[in-house]
């Protein structure tokens, strides 16, 4: 397992993932970026980065599972077609 970045590397990784580094403030409306916003503590940013990386991993695995299912379906259809063709050849 790779280590969790810290400091400037953490901020860069958060930016790459599109993770906010700012503390959530209930007084600021959602979607509005204050001019001077407090930066979240490092452990909070690390948690957000870990969650974003986990989401990306799960998304990739979902795509792989979908491709596997489609491949299995195509294989089953090919086998069914082969059996149907062989049955028709025997009947003739």
Protein backbone atom coordinates (compact mmCIF):
# COMPACT_ATOMS: atom_id res chain seq x y z
CA UNK A 1 0.00 0.00 0.00
CA UNK A 2 1.41 3.38 -0.92
CA UNK A 3 1.98 6.02 1.69
CA UNK A 4 -0.38 8.92 2.23
CA UNK A 5 1.12 12.16 0.92
CA UNK A 6 1.52 15.13 3.20
CA UNK A 7 2.36 18.78 2.89
CA UNK A 8 2.68 20.22 -0.60
CA UNK A 9 2.43 16.78 -2.23
CA UNK A 10 -0.94 16.30 -0.52
CA UNK A 11 -2.23 19.63 -1.84
CA UNK A 12 -1.07 18.76 -5.37
CA UNK A 13 -2.72 15.31 -5.21
CA UNK A 14 -5.94 16.89 -3.93
CA UNK A 15 -5.93 19.32 -6.85
CA UNK A 16 -5.33 16.47 -9.33
CA UNK A 17 -8.33 14.61 -7.92
CA UNK A 18 -10.51 17.71 -7.71
CA UNK A 19 -10.75 17.46 -3.93
CA UNK A 20 -11.42 20.62 -1.96
CA UNK A 21 -8.70 21.61 0.49
CA UNK A 22 -10.91 24.13 2.24
CA UNK A 23 -12.76 23.61 5.49
CA UNK A 24 -16.51 23.33 5.17
CA UNK A 25 -18.20 26.34 6.68
CA UNK A 26 -21.94 26.22 7.30
CA UNK A 27 -22.11 30.02 6.94
CA UNK A 28 -20.90 29.99 3.32
CA UNK A 29 -23.49 28.98 0.69
CA UNK A 30 -22.65 25.86 -1.33
CA UNK A 31 -20.85 26.62 -4.58
CA UNK A 32 -19.60 30.03 -3.44
CA UNK A 33 -15.84 30.28 -2.99
CA UNK A 34 -14.98 32.80 -0.35
CA UNK A 35 -12.01 35.03 -1.04
CA UNK A 36 -10.25 33.95 2.13
CA UNK A 37 -11.33 30.47 3.11
CA UNK A 38 -9.80 28.47 5.92
CA UNK A 39 -7.80 25.48 4.77
CA UNK A 40 -8.93 22.17 6.24
CA UNK A 41 -6.56 20.33 8.58
CA UNK A 42 -4.13 17.94 6.92
CA UNK A 43 -5.83 14.83 8.30
CA UNK A 44 -9.14 15.99 6.75
CA UNK A 45 -7.53 16.59 3.36
CA UNK A 46 -5.84 13.17 3.57
CA UNK A 47 -9.21 11.58 4.31
CA UNK A 48 -10.77 13.33 1.31
CA UNK A 49 -7.90 12.25 -0.97
CA UNK A 50 -8.19 8.63 0.24
CA UNK A 51 -11.95 8.66 -0.42
CA UNK A 52 -11.44 10.14 -3.92
CA UNK A 53 -8.79 7.52 -4.78
CA UNK A 54 -11.07 4.76 -3.46
CA UNK A 55 -13.90 6.06 -5.64
CA UNK A 56 -11.67 6.02 -8.73
CA UNK A 57 -10.51 2.45 -7.97
CA UNK A 58 -14.08 1.26 -7.50
CA UNK A 59 -15.13 2.93 -10.75
CA UNK A 60 -12.34 1.19 -12.66
CA UNK A 61 -13.28 -2.17 -11.13
CA UNK A 62 -16.91 -1.61 -12.08
CA UNK A 63 -15.88 -1.01 -15.70
CA UNK A 64 -13.75 -4.19 -15.68
CA UNK A 65 -16.68 -6.18 -14.25
CA UNK A 66 -19.01 -4.80 -16.92
CA UNK A 67 -16.57 -5.72 -19.69
CA UNK A 68 -16.23 -9.23 -18.21
CA UNK A 69 -20.00 -9.66 -18.14
CA UNK A 70 -20.34 -8.54 -21.75
CA UNK A 71 -17.55 -10.90 -22.78
CA UNK A 72 -19.28 -13.79 -21.00
CA UNK A 73 -22.54 -12.95 -22.75
CA UNK A 74 -20.86 -12.89 -26.17
CA UNK A 75 -19.17 -16.22 -25.38
CA UNK A 76 -22.49 -17.77 -24.35
CA UNK A 77 -24.16 -16.54 -27.53
CA UNK A 78 -21.31 -17.98 -29.62
CA UNK A 79 -21.66 -21.35 -27.90
CA UNK A 80 -25.45 -21.31 -28.32
CA UNK A 81 -25.05 -20.46 -32.04
CA UNK A 82 -22.55 -23.31 -32.49
CA UNK A 83 -24.94 -25.79 -30.90
CA UNK A 84 -27.86 -24.50 -32.98
CA UNK A 85 -25.87 -24.77 -36.21
CA UNK A 86 -24.73 -28.30 -35.35
CA UNK A 87 -28.32 -29.33 -34.59
CA UNK A 88 -29.51 -27.94 -37.91
CA UNK A 89 -26.70 -29.77 -39.76
CA UNK A 90 -27.68 -33.08 -38.13
CA UNK A 91 -31.32 -32.59 -39.05
CA UNK A 92 -30.46 -32.15 -42.72
